[in-house]
C-alpha cells in the first residue's frame, strides 16, 4: 500500500491529535483538604453515631462491632468534586470469607458514602492449606475468590476474643476509596453482615474495629 504525501500528513496529524487528546483528558489534582482525621487516641467520638471505644493491645480502637453500623457525619465541607475516604480496618477472630452456607458465611463488611455502597466485600482469617482454605473477596468487592488476608498490611496479630491466645487471628487492612462527590456534607457508614449461627457468642467469634479514619476533599479537573 502507498500513501500520497497529503495522506501521510493527515495520518501524522491524526496521531498527534490523539496524543494531545489523551494528555488533556488526564485528571489533575488542583487542591485537597483533609477535613477529618481520627485515630481515637483523644477519645473523640463527636460526629459519630453508635461510636464506642475499647483498648486492644495498647491501641484505642473504634469498636468492636458485630452485625452493627457506625457512622460519622462531617458538615460544611469546602468546595470539591472528589472525596477520599481512608479507613484502617481490623478484622478479628474467625471470619470465614465467601462461603455462602447460611451457617458461617458469607462474612460481609461494607463502607457507604451517603447511603451508597463504595465497598462491599468479605474477609477471611482462615488458614490456607491445600485441603482447607476459605477464600475472601477483598481487595475486590463481593464476589471474588482471593486468598485469606489478601491486601492486608499486617497479619500476625492475635485474635480479640475466641482466638485471643493465637497469632494471625486479627488482620489489619488500609482501605482507601475516591468517590465523585460535591455535596456540602457527607455521612460515612461502616458496617457488616456477619453470619455465625453455630456459636453461643457470635460477637466473640467474629468482630471488627477501626484504628483510624480520614476524609479528604479534593478538586480534580
N, C-alpha and C. Protein backbone atom coordinates (compact mmCIF):
# COMPACT_ATOMS: atom_id res chain seq x y z
N UNK A 1 0.85 -1.18 0.00
CA UNK A 1 0.00 0.00 0.00
C UNK A 1 0.89 1.24 0.00
N UNK A 2 0.50 2.25 -0.83
CA UNK A 2 1.25 3.50 -0.93
C UNK A 2 0.36 4.65 -0.49
N UNK A 3 0.95 5.61 0.29
CA UNK A 3 0.24 6.80 0.70
C UNK A 3 0.72 7.96 -0.15
N UNK A 4 -0.23 8.80 -0.58
CA UNK A 4 0.15 10.07 -1.16
C UNK A 4 0.71 10.95 -0.06
N UNK A 5 1.47 11.98 -0.41
CA UNK A 5 2.09 12.86 0.57
C UNK A 5 1.03 13.48 1.48
N UNK A 6 -0.07 13.93 0.90
CA UNK A 6 -1.12 14.55 1.71
C UNK A 6 -1.73 13.55 2.67
N UNK A 7 -1.86 12.30 2.25
CA UNK A 7 -2.39 11.27 3.13
C UNK A 7 -1.47 11.01 4.30
N UNK A 8 -0.15 11.03 4.08
CA UNK A 8 0.82 10.82 5.15
C UNK A 8 0.72 11.93 6.18
N UNK A 9 0.58 13.17 5.70
CA UNK A 9 0.46 14.29 6.63
C UNK A 9 -0.81 14.16 7.46
N UNK A 10 -1.89 13.70 6.82
CA UNK A 10 -3.14 13.54 7.55
C UNK A 10 -3.01 12.48 8.64
N UNK A 11 -2.29 11.40 8.33
CA UNK A 11 -2.11 10.34 9.32
C UNK A 11 -1.29 10.83 10.50
N UNK A 12 -0.21 11.58 10.22
CA UNK A 12 0.61 12.14 11.29
C UNK A 12 -0.21 13.10 12.14
N UNK A 13 -0.98 13.96 11.48
CA UNK A 13 -1.81 14.92 12.22
C UNK A 13 -2.81 14.21 13.11
N UNK A 14 -3.36 13.11 12.61
CA UNK A 14 -4.34 12.36 13.40
C UNK A 14 -3.71 11.74 14.63
N UNK A 15 -2.49 11.20 14.47
CA UNK A 15 -1.78 10.60 15.60
C UNK A 15 -1.46 11.66 16.65
N UNK A 16 -1.02 12.84 16.20
CA UNK A 16 -0.73 13.93 17.13
C UNK A 16 -1.98 14.37 17.86
N UNK A 17 -3.10 14.42 17.13
CA UNK A 17 -4.37 14.80 17.74
C UNK A 17 -4.76 13.82 18.85
N UNK A 18 -4.60 12.52 18.57
CA UNK A 18 -4.93 11.52 19.57
C UNK A 18 -4.05 11.66 20.80
N UNK A 19 -2.74 11.90 20.60
CA UNK A 19 -1.81 12.05 21.72
C UNK A 19 -2.19 13.25 22.58
N UNK A 20 -2.50 14.37 21.94
CA UNK A 20 -2.87 15.57 22.69
C UNK A 20 -4.18 15.37 23.44
N UNK A 21 -5.10 14.66 22.83
CA UNK A 21 -6.38 14.38 23.48
C UNK A 21 -6.19 13.54 24.73
N UNK A 22 -5.32 12.53 24.65
CA UNK A 22 -5.07 11.66 25.79
C UNK A 22 -4.45 12.45 26.94
N UNK A 23 -3.52 13.33 26.64
CA UNK A 23 -2.88 14.13 27.67
C UNK A 23 -3.88 15.07 28.32
N UNK A 24 -4.71 15.71 27.48
CA UNK A 24 -5.64 16.71 28.00
C UNK A 24 -6.74 16.08 28.85
N UNK A 25 -7.00 14.76 28.70
CA UNK A 25 -8.05 14.10 29.44
C UNK A 25 -7.55 13.56 30.78
N UNK A 26 -6.27 13.66 31.08
CA UNK A 26 -5.78 13.19 32.36
C UNK A 26 -6.27 14.10 33.47
N UNK A 27 -6.68 13.49 34.60
CA UNK A 27 -7.14 14.26 35.74
C UNK A 27 -5.96 14.95 36.42
N UNK A 28 -6.19 16.16 36.87
CA UNK A 28 -5.19 16.93 37.59
C UNK A 28 -5.75 17.33 38.94
N UNK A 29 -4.98 17.06 40.00
CA UNK A 29 -5.38 17.45 41.34
C UNK A 29 -5.06 18.91 41.56
N UNK A 30 -6.10 19.73 41.69
CA UNK A 30 -5.93 21.17 41.89
C UNK A 30 -5.69 21.51 43.36
N UNK A 31 -6.43 20.86 44.26
CA UNK A 31 -6.30 21.15 45.69
C UNK A 31 -6.89 20.01 46.49
N UNK A 32 -6.48 19.90 47.75
CA UNK A 32 -7.07 18.92 48.64
C UNK A 32 -7.01 19.43 50.08
N UNK A 33 -8.02 19.07 50.86
CA UNK A 33 -8.11 19.49 52.25
C UNK A 33 -8.53 18.28 53.08
N UNK A 34 -7.71 17.89 54.07
CA UNK A 34 -8.14 16.84 54.99
C UNK A 34 -9.13 17.45 55.97
N UNK A 35 -10.38 17.04 55.87
CA UNK A 35 -11.44 17.65 56.67
C UNK A 35 -11.72 16.87 57.95
N UNK A 36 -11.22 15.64 58.04
CA UNK A 36 -11.45 14.84 59.23
C UNK A 36 -10.36 13.80 59.36
N UNK A 37 -9.79 13.68 60.55
CA UNK A 37 -8.80 12.64 60.84
C UNK A 37 -8.95 12.24 62.30
N UNK A 38 -9.11 10.95 62.56
CA UNK A 38 -9.32 10.49 63.92
C UNK A 38 -8.68 9.12 64.09
N UNK A 39 -7.70 9.04 65.00
CA UNK A 39 -7.14 7.74 65.37
C UNK A 39 -7.59 7.33 66.77
N UNK A 40 -8.53 8.10 67.34
CA UNK A 40 -9.25 7.77 68.57
C UNK A 40 -8.38 7.82 69.82
N UNK A 41 -7.14 8.30 69.70
CA UNK A 41 -6.29 8.39 70.89
C UNK A 41 -6.77 9.48 71.84
N UNK A 42 -7.52 10.48 71.35
CA UNK A 42 -8.06 11.53 72.22
C UNK A 42 -9.46 11.19 72.70
N UNK A 43 -9.94 10.00 72.35
CA UNK A 43 -11.26 9.51 72.78
C UNK A 43 -12.40 10.37 72.24
N UNK A 44 -12.16 10.98 71.09
CA UNK A 44 -13.13 11.89 70.48
C UNK A 44 -14.11 11.11 69.60
N UNK A 45 -15.38 11.13 69.98
CA UNK A 45 -16.42 10.49 69.17
C UNK A 45 -17.46 11.49 68.71
N UNK A 46 -17.11 12.78 68.69
CA UNK A 46 -18.02 13.78 68.14
C UNK A 46 -18.31 13.44 66.69
N UNK A 47 -19.53 13.70 66.25
CA UNK A 47 -20.00 13.45 64.88
C UNK A 47 -20.30 11.98 64.60
N UNK A 48 -20.11 11.10 65.59
CA UNK A 48 -20.35 9.67 65.37
C UNK A 48 -21.75 9.26 65.83
N UNK A 49 -22.32 8.32 65.11
CA UNK A 49 -23.50 7.57 65.54
C UNK A 49 -23.03 6.15 65.87
N UNK A 50 -23.46 5.65 67.03
CA UNK A 50 -23.06 4.32 67.52
C UNK A 50 -21.54 4.21 67.65
N UNK A 51 -20.90 5.30 68.04
CA UNK A 51 -19.47 5.26 68.29
C UNK A 51 -19.17 4.70 69.67
N UNK A 52 -18.18 3.82 69.76
CA UNK A 52 -17.74 3.26 71.03
C UNK A 52 -16.26 2.90 70.89
N UNK A 53 -15.57 2.90 72.03
CA UNK A 53 -14.12 2.69 72.01
C UNK A 53 -13.74 1.57 72.97
N UNK A 54 -12.61 0.92 72.65
CA UNK A 54 -12.05 -0.07 73.55
C UNK A 54 -10.54 -0.13 73.32
N UNK A 55 -9.84 -0.75 74.25
CA UNK A 55 -8.39 -0.88 74.17
C UNK A 55 -8.06 -2.30 73.72
N UNK A 56 -7.24 -2.40 72.69
CA UNK A 56 -6.79 -3.71 72.21
C UNK A 56 -5.30 -3.64 71.97
N UNK A 57 -4.55 -4.38 72.76
CA UNK A 57 -3.08 -4.43 72.63
C UNK A 57 -2.48 -3.01 72.63
N UNK A 58 -2.93 -2.21 73.56
CA UNK A 58 -2.45 -0.85 73.80
C UNK A 58 -2.86 0.15 72.71
N UNK A 59 -3.74 -0.25 71.81
CA UNK A 59 -4.30 0.66 70.81
C UNK A 59 -5.75 0.99 71.19
N UNK A 60 -6.11 2.26 71.05
CA UNK A 60 -7.51 2.65 71.21
C UNK A 60 -8.20 2.53 69.86
N UNK A 61 -9.23 1.70 69.80
CA UNK A 61 -9.92 1.41 68.55
C UNK A 61 -11.39 1.77 68.66
N UNK A 62 -11.96 2.12 67.52
CA UNK A 62 -13.41 2.26 67.40
C UNK A 62 -14.00 0.86 67.28
N UNK A 63 -14.88 0.50 68.19
CA UNK A 63 -15.46 -0.84 68.12
C UNK A 63 -15.57 -1.43 69.52
N UNK A 64 -15.64 -2.77 69.57
CA UNK A 64 -15.70 -3.62 68.41
C UNK A 64 -17.14 -3.88 68.03
N UNK A 65 -17.37 -4.31 66.77
CA UNK A 65 -18.72 -4.41 66.22
C UNK A 65 -18.99 -5.82 65.67
N UNK A 66 -20.24 -6.22 65.78
CA UNK A 66 -20.72 -7.47 65.19
C UNK A 66 -22.16 -7.24 64.77
N UNK A 67 -22.42 -7.32 63.47
CA UNK A 67 -23.74 -7.02 62.91
C UNK A 67 -24.25 -5.66 63.38
N UNK A 68 -23.42 -4.66 63.20
CA UNK A 68 -23.73 -3.29 63.59
C UNK A 68 -23.19 -2.32 62.55
N UNK A 69 -23.65 -1.08 62.67
CA UNK A 69 -23.13 0.02 61.86
C UNK A 69 -22.61 1.12 62.78
N UNK A 70 -21.60 1.83 62.29
CA UNK A 70 -21.13 3.07 62.92
C UNK A 70 -20.98 4.10 61.82
N UNK A 71 -21.40 5.34 62.08
CA UNK A 71 -21.37 6.38 61.06
C UNK A 71 -20.74 7.65 61.61
N UNK A 72 -20.07 8.38 60.73
CA UNK A 72 -19.54 9.70 61.07
C UNK A 72 -20.03 10.67 60.00
N UNK A 73 -20.51 11.84 60.45
CA UNK A 73 -21.03 12.87 59.54
C UNK A 73 -20.19 14.12 59.68
N UNK A 74 -19.75 14.65 58.54
CA UNK A 74 -18.94 15.87 58.50
C UNK A 74 -19.70 16.91 57.69
N UNK A 75 -19.93 18.07 58.28
CA UNK A 75 -20.66 19.16 57.63
C UNK A 75 -19.71 20.27 57.19
N UNK A 76 -20.27 21.20 56.41
CA UNK A 76 -19.55 22.39 55.95
C UNK A 76 -18.24 22.04 55.26
N UNK A 77 -18.33 21.13 54.30
CA UNK A 77 -17.15 20.75 53.52
C UNK A 77 -16.76 21.88 52.58
N UNK A 78 -15.47 22.08 52.34
CA UNK A 78 -15.06 23.05 51.33
C UNK A 78 -15.47 22.56 49.94
N UNK A 79 -15.49 23.47 48.96
CA UNK A 79 -15.85 23.09 47.60
C UNK A 79 -14.96 21.97 47.09
N UNK A 80 -15.56 20.98 46.44
CA UNK A 80 -14.81 19.81 45.98
C UNK A 80 -15.65 19.07 44.96
N UNK A 81 -15.00 18.16 44.23
CA UNK A 81 -15.74 17.26 43.36
C UNK A 81 -15.34 15.80 43.55
N UNK A 82 -14.37 15.55 44.43
CA UNK A 82 -13.95 14.18 44.75
C UNK A 82 -13.74 14.11 46.26
N UNK A 83 -14.10 12.97 46.80
CA UNK A 83 -13.91 12.70 48.22
C UNK A 83 -13.04 11.46 48.36
N UNK A 84 -12.01 11.52 49.22
CA UNK A 84 -11.21 10.34 49.53
C UNK A 84 -11.48 9.92 50.97
N UNK A 85 -11.83 8.65 51.16
CA UNK A 85 -12.07 8.10 52.49
C UNK A 85 -11.08 6.97 52.72
N UNK A 86 -10.33 7.07 53.83
CA UNK A 86 -9.35 6.04 54.18
C UNK A 86 -9.68 5.49 55.56
N UNK A 87 -9.69 4.17 55.67
CA UNK A 87 -10.05 3.50 56.92
C UNK A 87 -9.00 2.43 57.21
N UNK A 88 -8.52 2.44 58.47
CA UNK A 88 -7.69 1.33 58.95
C UNK A 88 -8.60 0.34 59.65
N UNK A 89 -8.80 -0.79 59.02
CA UNK A 89 -9.79 -1.77 59.46
C UNK A 89 -9.10 -2.98 60.09
N UNK A 90 -9.59 -3.39 61.28
CA UNK A 90 -9.08 -4.56 61.97
C UNK A 90 -10.16 -5.65 61.94
N UNK A 91 -9.80 -6.82 61.43
CA UNK A 91 -10.72 -7.95 61.32
C UNK A 91 -10.32 -9.00 62.36
N UNK A 92 -11.23 -9.26 63.32
CA UNK A 92 -10.89 -10.10 64.47
C UNK A 92 -11.51 -11.49 64.40
N UNK A 93 -10.72 -12.46 64.75
CA UNK A 93 -11.14 -13.84 65.02
C UNK A 93 -11.57 -14.59 63.76
N UNK A 94 -12.65 -15.35 63.78
CA UNK A 94 -12.82 -16.43 62.81
C UNK A 94 -13.66 -16.05 61.59
N UNK A 95 -13.36 -14.92 60.96
CA UNK A 95 -14.08 -14.58 59.73
C UNK A 95 -13.86 -15.67 58.70
N UNK A 96 -14.95 -16.03 58.00
CA UNK A 96 -14.92 -17.18 57.08
C UNK A 96 -14.99 -16.80 55.61
N UNK A 97 -15.08 -15.51 55.31
CA UNK A 97 -14.99 -15.09 53.91
C UNK A 97 -16.24 -15.39 53.10
N UNK A 98 -16.03 -16.03 51.94
CA UNK A 98 -17.06 -16.16 50.92
C UNK A 98 -18.10 -17.26 51.11
N UNK A 99 -17.79 -18.37 51.79
CA UNK A 99 -18.75 -19.48 51.79
C UNK A 99 -20.17 -19.04 52.13
N UNK A 100 -21.10 -19.39 51.25
CA UNK A 100 -22.50 -18.96 51.39
C UNK A 100 -23.33 -20.15 51.84
N UNK A 101 -23.10 -20.55 53.11
CA UNK A 101 -23.79 -21.74 53.61
C UNK A 101 -24.88 -21.40 54.62
N UNK A 102 -25.06 -20.10 54.94
CA UNK A 102 -26.07 -19.71 55.89
C UNK A 102 -25.76 -20.07 57.33
N UNK A 103 -24.59 -20.66 57.56
CA UNK A 103 -24.18 -21.05 58.91
C UNK A 103 -22.98 -20.23 59.35
N UNK A 104 -21.97 -20.15 58.49
CA UNK A 104 -20.74 -19.43 58.84
C UNK A 104 -20.39 -18.33 57.85
N UNK A 105 -21.22 -18.09 56.87
CA UNK A 105 -20.91 -17.07 55.89
C UNK A 105 -22.02 -16.88 54.87
N UNK A 106 -21.84 -15.92 53.96
CA UNK A 106 -20.65 -15.10 53.79
C UNK A 106 -20.51 -14.04 54.89
N UNK A 107 -19.26 -13.67 55.19
CA UNK A 107 -18.96 -12.67 56.20
C UNK A 107 -18.63 -11.35 55.49
N UNK A 108 -19.64 -10.49 55.42
CA UNK A 108 -19.56 -9.27 54.60
C UNK A 108 -19.28 -8.05 55.47
N UNK A 109 -18.42 -7.18 54.96
CA UNK A 109 -18.17 -5.86 55.56
C UNK A 109 -18.38 -4.82 54.46
N UNK A 110 -18.93 -3.65 54.84
CA UNK A 110 -19.20 -2.64 53.81
C UNK A 110 -18.88 -1.24 54.32
N UNK A 111 -18.64 -0.36 53.36
CA UNK A 111 -18.50 1.07 53.62
C UNK A 111 -19.41 1.81 52.66
N UNK A 112 -20.20 2.73 53.22
CA UNK A 112 -21.12 3.53 52.42
C UNK A 112 -20.78 5.01 52.54
N UNK A 113 -20.99 5.73 51.46
CA UNK A 113 -20.89 7.18 51.46
C UNK A 113 -22.26 7.72 51.08
N UNK A 114 -22.87 8.46 52.00
CA UNK A 114 -24.23 8.99 51.81
C UNK A 114 -25.20 7.89 51.40
N UNK A 115 -25.08 6.74 52.06
CA UNK A 115 -26.02 5.64 51.87
C UNK A 115 -25.75 4.74 50.69
N UNK A 116 -24.70 5.02 49.91
CA UNK A 116 -24.38 4.20 48.74
C UNK A 116 -23.11 3.38 49.01
N UNK A 117 -23.17 2.08 48.70
CA UNK A 117 -22.00 1.23 48.89
C UNK A 117 -20.83 1.69 48.03
N UNK A 118 -19.68 1.87 48.65
CA UNK A 118 -18.44 2.06 47.89
C UNK A 118 -17.50 0.87 48.11
N UNK A 119 -17.72 0.12 49.18
CA UNK A 119 -17.05 -1.15 49.42
C UNK A 119 -18.10 -2.12 49.93
N UNK A 120 -18.12 -3.30 49.34
CA UNK A 120 -18.96 -4.39 49.85
C UNK A 120 -18.19 -5.67 49.56
N UNK A 121 -17.60 -6.25 50.60
CA UNK A 121 -16.63 -7.30 50.38
C UNK A 121 -16.70 -8.31 51.52
N UNK A 122 -15.84 -9.32 51.46
CA UNK A 122 -15.74 -10.31 52.54
C UNK A 122 -14.28 -10.43 52.95
N UNK A 123 -14.08 -10.89 54.19
CA UNK A 123 -12.74 -11.14 54.72
C UNK A 123 -12.69 -12.53 55.33
N UNK A 124 -11.49 -13.11 55.30
CA UNK A 124 -11.28 -14.43 55.88
C UNK A 124 -9.99 -14.44 56.69
N UNK A 125 -10.07 -14.94 57.92
CA UNK A 125 -8.88 -15.18 58.74
C UNK A 125 -8.51 -16.66 58.76
N UNK A 126 -9.06 -17.40 57.80
CA UNK A 126 -8.84 -18.84 57.74
C UNK A 126 -7.38 -19.15 57.39
N UNK A 127 -6.83 -20.23 57.96
CA UNK A 127 -5.59 -20.77 57.39
C UNK A 127 -5.84 -21.18 55.95
N UNK A 128 -4.80 -21.18 55.16
CA UNK A 128 -4.97 -21.55 53.74
C UNK A 128 -4.01 -22.68 53.42
N UNK A 129 -4.54 -23.90 53.48
CA UNK A 129 -3.77 -25.10 53.18
C UNK A 129 -4.34 -25.74 51.92
N UNK A 130 -3.67 -26.76 51.46
CA UNK A 130 -4.11 -27.40 50.22
C UNK A 130 -5.48 -28.02 50.34
N UNK A 131 -5.86 -28.45 51.55
CA UNK A 131 -7.14 -29.12 51.74
C UNK A 131 -8.18 -28.23 52.41
N UNK A 132 -7.78 -27.03 52.86
CA UNK A 132 -8.73 -26.15 53.55
C UNK A 132 -8.29 -24.71 53.38
N UNK A 133 -9.14 -23.92 52.74
CA UNK A 133 -8.81 -22.51 52.51
C UNK A 133 -10.10 -21.76 52.20
N UNK A 134 -10.59 -21.02 53.17
CA UNK A 134 -11.82 -20.26 52.96
C UNK A 134 -11.46 -18.92 52.33
N UNK A 135 -11.84 -18.73 51.09
CA UNK A 135 -11.44 -17.55 50.31
C UNK A 135 -12.21 -16.31 50.74
N UNK A 136 -11.63 -15.14 50.43
CA UNK A 136 -12.29 -13.86 50.66
C UNK A 136 -12.37 -13.09 49.35
N UNK A 137 -13.21 -12.06 49.32
CA UNK A 137 -13.33 -11.24 48.11
C UNK A 137 -12.34 -10.09 48.09
N UNK A 138 -12.05 -9.47 49.26
CA UNK A 138 -11.13 -8.34 49.31
C UNK A 138 -9.77 -8.76 48.74
N UNK A 139 -9.11 -7.89 47.97
CA UNK A 139 -9.35 -6.46 47.76
C UNK A 139 -10.38 -6.10 46.69
N UNK A 140 -11.10 -7.08 46.19
CA UNK A 140 -12.21 -6.80 45.27
C UNK A 140 -13.51 -6.75 46.06
N UNK A 141 -14.55 -6.28 45.42
CA UNK A 141 -15.89 -6.37 46.00
C UNK A 141 -16.41 -7.80 45.86
N UNK A 142 -17.38 -8.14 46.69
CA UNK A 142 -18.00 -9.46 46.67
C UNK A 142 -18.76 -9.63 45.34
N UNK A 143 -18.59 -10.69 44.54
CA UNK A 143 -17.97 -11.94 44.90
C UNK A 143 -16.72 -12.15 44.03
N UNK A 144 -15.57 -12.31 44.68
CA UNK A 144 -14.35 -12.73 44.01
C UNK A 144 -13.64 -13.72 44.92
N UNK A 145 -12.80 -14.57 44.34
CA UNK A 145 -12.10 -15.60 45.11
C UNK A 145 -10.63 -15.23 45.26
N UNK A 146 -10.28 -14.64 46.41
CA UNK A 146 -8.90 -14.33 46.74
C UNK A 146 -8.50 -15.07 48.01
N UNK A 147 -7.20 -15.27 48.19
CA UNK A 147 -6.71 -15.97 49.38
C UNK A 147 -7.03 -15.17 50.64
N UNK A 148 -7.18 -15.85 51.79
CA UNK A 148 -7.35 -15.13 53.05
C UNK A 148 -6.23 -14.12 53.26
N UNK A 149 -6.58 -12.97 53.81
CA UNK A 149 -5.65 -11.91 54.18
C UNK A 149 -5.07 -11.16 52.96
N UNK A 150 -5.58 -11.42 51.77
CA UNK A 150 -5.09 -10.70 50.58
C UNK A 150 -5.26 -9.20 50.78
N UNK A 151 -4.21 -8.44 50.47
CA UNK A 151 -4.26 -6.98 50.58
C UNK A 151 -4.05 -6.44 51.97
N UNK A 152 -3.73 -7.31 52.94
CA UNK A 152 -3.55 -6.86 54.32
C UNK A 152 -2.24 -6.11 54.49
N UNK A 153 -2.19 -5.23 55.51
CA UNK A 153 -0.94 -4.54 55.85
C UNK A 153 -0.29 -5.15 57.09
N UNK A 154 -1.03 -5.96 57.83
CA UNK A 154 -0.46 -6.65 59.00
C UNK A 154 -1.30 -7.89 59.26
N UNK A 155 -0.64 -9.04 59.49
CA UNK A 155 -1.37 -10.30 59.58
C UNK A 155 -1.07 -11.12 60.82
N UNK A 156 -0.08 -10.74 61.60
CA UNK A 156 0.37 -11.62 62.68
C UNK A 156 -0.11 -11.17 64.05
N UNK A 157 -1.26 -10.51 64.12
CA UNK A 157 -1.81 -10.01 65.38
C UNK A 157 -2.72 -11.09 65.97
N UNK A 158 -2.65 -11.32 67.29
CA UNK A 158 -3.56 -12.31 67.90
C UNK A 158 -5.02 -11.90 67.75
N UNK A 159 -5.89 -12.87 67.91
CA UNK A 159 -7.32 -12.60 67.88
C UNK A 159 -7.74 -11.73 69.06
N UNK A 160 -8.97 -11.26 68.99
CA UNK A 160 -9.51 -10.40 70.05
C UNK A 160 -10.17 -11.20 71.16
N UNK A 161 -10.92 -12.23 70.79
CA UNK A 161 -11.75 -12.93 71.79
C UNK A 161 -11.59 -14.44 71.67
N UNK A 162 -12.29 -15.06 70.74
CA UNK A 162 -12.26 -16.51 70.62
C UNK A 162 -10.84 -17.03 70.38
N UNK A 163 -10.07 -16.31 69.58
CA UNK A 163 -8.70 -16.72 69.26
C UNK A 163 -7.68 -15.76 69.85
N UNK A 164 -8.01 -15.21 71.05
CA UNK A 164 -7.13 -14.25 71.67
C UNK A 164 -5.76 -14.79 72.03
N UNK A 165 -5.64 -16.09 72.18
CA UNK A 165 -4.35 -16.70 72.54
C UNK A 165 -3.56 -17.15 71.31
N UNK A 166 -4.08 -16.87 70.12
CA UNK A 166 -3.45 -17.39 68.90
C UNK A 166 -3.06 -16.25 67.98
N UNK A 167 -1.83 -16.28 67.41
CA UNK A 167 -1.44 -15.26 66.43
C UNK A 167 -2.20 -15.44 65.12
N UNK A 168 -2.17 -14.40 64.30
CA UNK A 168 -2.73 -14.43 62.94
C UNK A 168 -4.26 -14.52 62.94
N UNK A 169 -4.91 -14.12 64.03
CA UNK A 169 -6.38 -14.10 64.02
C UNK A 169 -6.95 -12.69 64.17
N UNK A 170 -6.10 -11.66 64.03
CA UNK A 170 -6.55 -10.31 63.73
C UNK A 170 -5.74 -9.84 62.54
N UNK A 171 -6.42 -9.32 61.53
CA UNK A 171 -5.77 -8.87 60.31
C UNK A 171 -6.10 -7.41 60.09
N UNK A 172 -5.07 -6.63 59.75
CA UNK A 172 -5.25 -5.19 59.59
C UNK A 172 -5.17 -4.82 58.10
N UNK A 173 -6.11 -3.98 57.68
CA UNK A 173 -6.18 -3.51 56.29
C UNK A 173 -6.22 -1.99 56.26
N UNK A 174 -5.71 -1.41 55.18
CA UNK A 174 -5.88 0.01 54.93
C UNK A 174 -6.72 0.15 53.66
N UNK A 175 -7.93 0.61 53.82
CA UNK A 175 -8.88 0.71 52.72
C UNK A 175 -9.00 2.18 52.32
N UNK A 176 -8.79 2.46 51.05
CA UNK A 176 -8.84 3.84 50.54
C UNK A 176 -9.72 3.87 49.29
N UNK A 177 -10.70 4.78 49.30
CA UNK A 177 -11.60 4.92 48.16
C UNK A 177 -11.76 6.38 47.80
N UNK A 178 -11.79 6.67 46.49
CA UNK A 178 -12.06 8.00 45.98
C UNK A 178 -13.40 7.98 45.27
N UNK A 179 -14.27 8.94 45.63
CA UNK A 179 -15.65 8.95 45.17
C UNK A 179 -15.99 10.32 44.61
N UNK A 180 -16.66 10.36 43.48
CA UNK A 180 -17.19 11.63 42.96
C UNK A 180 -18.21 12.16 43.95
N UNK A 181 -18.04 13.42 44.37
CA UNK A 181 -18.88 13.93 45.45
C UNK A 181 -18.81 15.45 45.43
N UNK A 182 -19.94 16.12 45.55
CA UNK A 182 -19.97 17.59 45.55
C UNK A 182 -20.81 18.18 46.67
N UNK A 183 -21.51 17.36 47.44
CA UNK A 183 -22.42 17.87 48.47
C UNK A 183 -21.64 18.57 49.59
N UNK A 184 -22.29 19.48 50.31
CA UNK A 184 -21.61 20.23 51.37
C UNK A 184 -21.43 19.44 52.66
N UNK A 185 -21.98 18.24 52.74
CA UNK A 185 -21.79 17.38 53.91
C UNK A 185 -21.67 15.93 53.43
N UNK A 186 -21.15 15.07 54.32
CA UNK A 186 -21.00 13.66 53.95
C UNK A 186 -21.22 12.80 55.20
N UNK A 187 -21.85 11.67 54.96
CA UNK A 187 -22.02 10.66 56.02
C UNK A 187 -21.35 9.38 55.55
N UNK A 188 -20.34 8.94 56.31
CA UNK A 188 -19.62 7.70 56.01
C UNK A 188 -20.08 6.65 57.01
N UNK A 189 -20.56 5.54 56.50
CA UNK A 189 -21.09 4.46 57.33
C UNK A 189 -20.26 3.20 57.13
N UNK A 190 -19.88 2.58 58.23
CA UNK A 190 -19.15 1.31 58.22
C UNK A 190 -20.03 0.28 58.89
N UNK A 191 -20.12 -0.90 58.28
CA UNK A 191 -20.99 -1.91 58.86
C UNK A 191 -20.67 -3.31 58.37
N UNK A 192 -21.44 -4.27 58.84
CA UNK A 192 -21.18 -5.66 58.47
C UNK A 192 -22.48 -6.45 58.41
N UNK A 193 -22.39 -7.59 57.75
CA UNK A 193 -23.44 -8.60 57.74
C UNK A 193 -22.76 -9.94 58.00
N UNK A 194 -22.52 -10.23 59.28
CA UNK A 194 -21.80 -11.43 59.66
C UNK A 194 -22.77 -12.58 59.92
N UNK A 195 -22.37 -13.77 59.47
CA UNK A 195 -23.19 -14.97 59.65
C UNK A 195 -22.41 -15.93 60.53
N UNK A 196 -22.93 -16.23 61.70
CA UNK A 196 -22.27 -17.17 62.61
C UNK A 196 -23.34 -17.76 63.52
N UNK A 197 -24.06 -18.77 63.00
CA UNK A 197 -25.21 -19.33 63.71
C UNK A 197 -24.85 -20.52 64.59
N UNK A 198 -23.61 -21.00 64.51
CA UNK A 198 -23.24 -22.22 65.24
C UNK A 198 -22.41 -21.92 66.48
N UNK A 199 -22.62 -20.75 67.10
CA UNK A 199 -21.92 -20.41 68.32
C UNK A 199 -22.85 -19.66 69.26
N UNK A 200 -22.61 -19.81 70.56
CA UNK A 200 -23.44 -19.14 71.55
C UNK A 200 -23.07 -17.67 71.72
N UNK A 201 -21.89 -17.28 71.25
CA UNK A 201 -21.41 -15.91 71.42
C UNK A 201 -20.84 -15.41 70.08
N UNK A 202 -21.71 -15.03 69.14
CA UNK A 202 -21.24 -14.63 67.81
C UNK A 202 -20.24 -13.47 67.83
N UNK A 203 -20.42 -12.49 68.72
CA UNK A 203 -19.53 -11.33 68.74
C UNK A 203 -18.12 -11.72 69.17
N UNK A 204 -17.99 -12.77 69.97
CA UNK A 204 -16.66 -13.26 70.36
C UNK A 204 -16.04 -14.06 69.22
N UNK A 205 -16.88 -14.59 68.36
CA UNK A 205 -16.41 -15.43 67.26
C UNK A 205 -15.93 -14.58 66.07
N UNK A 206 -16.62 -13.46 65.80
CA UNK A 206 -16.27 -12.61 64.66
C UNK A 206 -16.61 -11.16 65.00
N UNK A 207 -15.67 -10.26 64.79
CA UNK A 207 -15.94 -8.84 65.00
C UNK A 207 -14.94 -8.02 64.21
N UNK A 208 -15.14 -6.70 64.22
CA UNK A 208 -14.23 -5.79 63.51
C UNK A 208 -14.14 -4.48 64.29
N UNK A 209 -13.07 -3.75 64.03
CA UNK A 209 -12.88 -2.45 64.66
C UNK A 209 -12.10 -1.56 63.70
N UNK A 210 -11.95 -0.30 64.08
CA UNK A 210 -11.29 0.69 63.22
C UNK A 210 -10.22 1.41 64.03
N UNK A 211 -9.00 1.48 63.47
CA UNK A 211 -7.91 2.17 64.13
C UNK A 211 -7.77 3.62 63.72
N UNK A 212 -8.30 3.96 62.53
CA UNK A 212 -8.17 5.33 62.05
C UNK A 212 -9.12 5.55 60.89
N UNK A 213 -9.64 6.77 60.79
CA UNK A 213 -10.44 7.14 59.63
C UNK A 213 -10.06 8.56 59.23
N UNK A 214 -9.86 8.77 57.94
CA UNK A 214 -9.54 10.09 57.40
C UNK A 214 -10.43 10.38 56.20
N UNK A 215 -10.88 11.62 56.11
CA UNK A 215 -11.71 12.07 54.99
C UNK A 215 -11.07 13.32 54.39
N UNK A 216 -10.85 13.29 53.09
CA UNK A 216 -10.18 14.39 52.38
C UNK A 216 -11.04 14.83 51.21
N UNK A 217 -11.27 16.15 51.11
CA UNK A 217 -11.94 16.69 49.92
C UNK A 217 -10.89 17.08 48.89
N UNK A 218 -11.24 16.93 47.62
CA UNK A 218 -10.32 17.22 46.52
C UNK A 218 -11.05 17.96 45.41
N UNK A 219 -10.29 18.82 44.73
CA UNK A 219 -10.75 19.41 43.48
C UNK A 219 -9.89 18.82 42.38
N UNK A 220 -10.52 18.06 41.50
CA UNK A 220 -9.83 17.37 40.42
C UNK A 220 -10.42 17.85 39.09
N UNK A 221 -9.55 18.26 38.18
CA UNK A 221 -10.04 18.72 36.88
C UNK A 221 -9.39 17.90 35.78
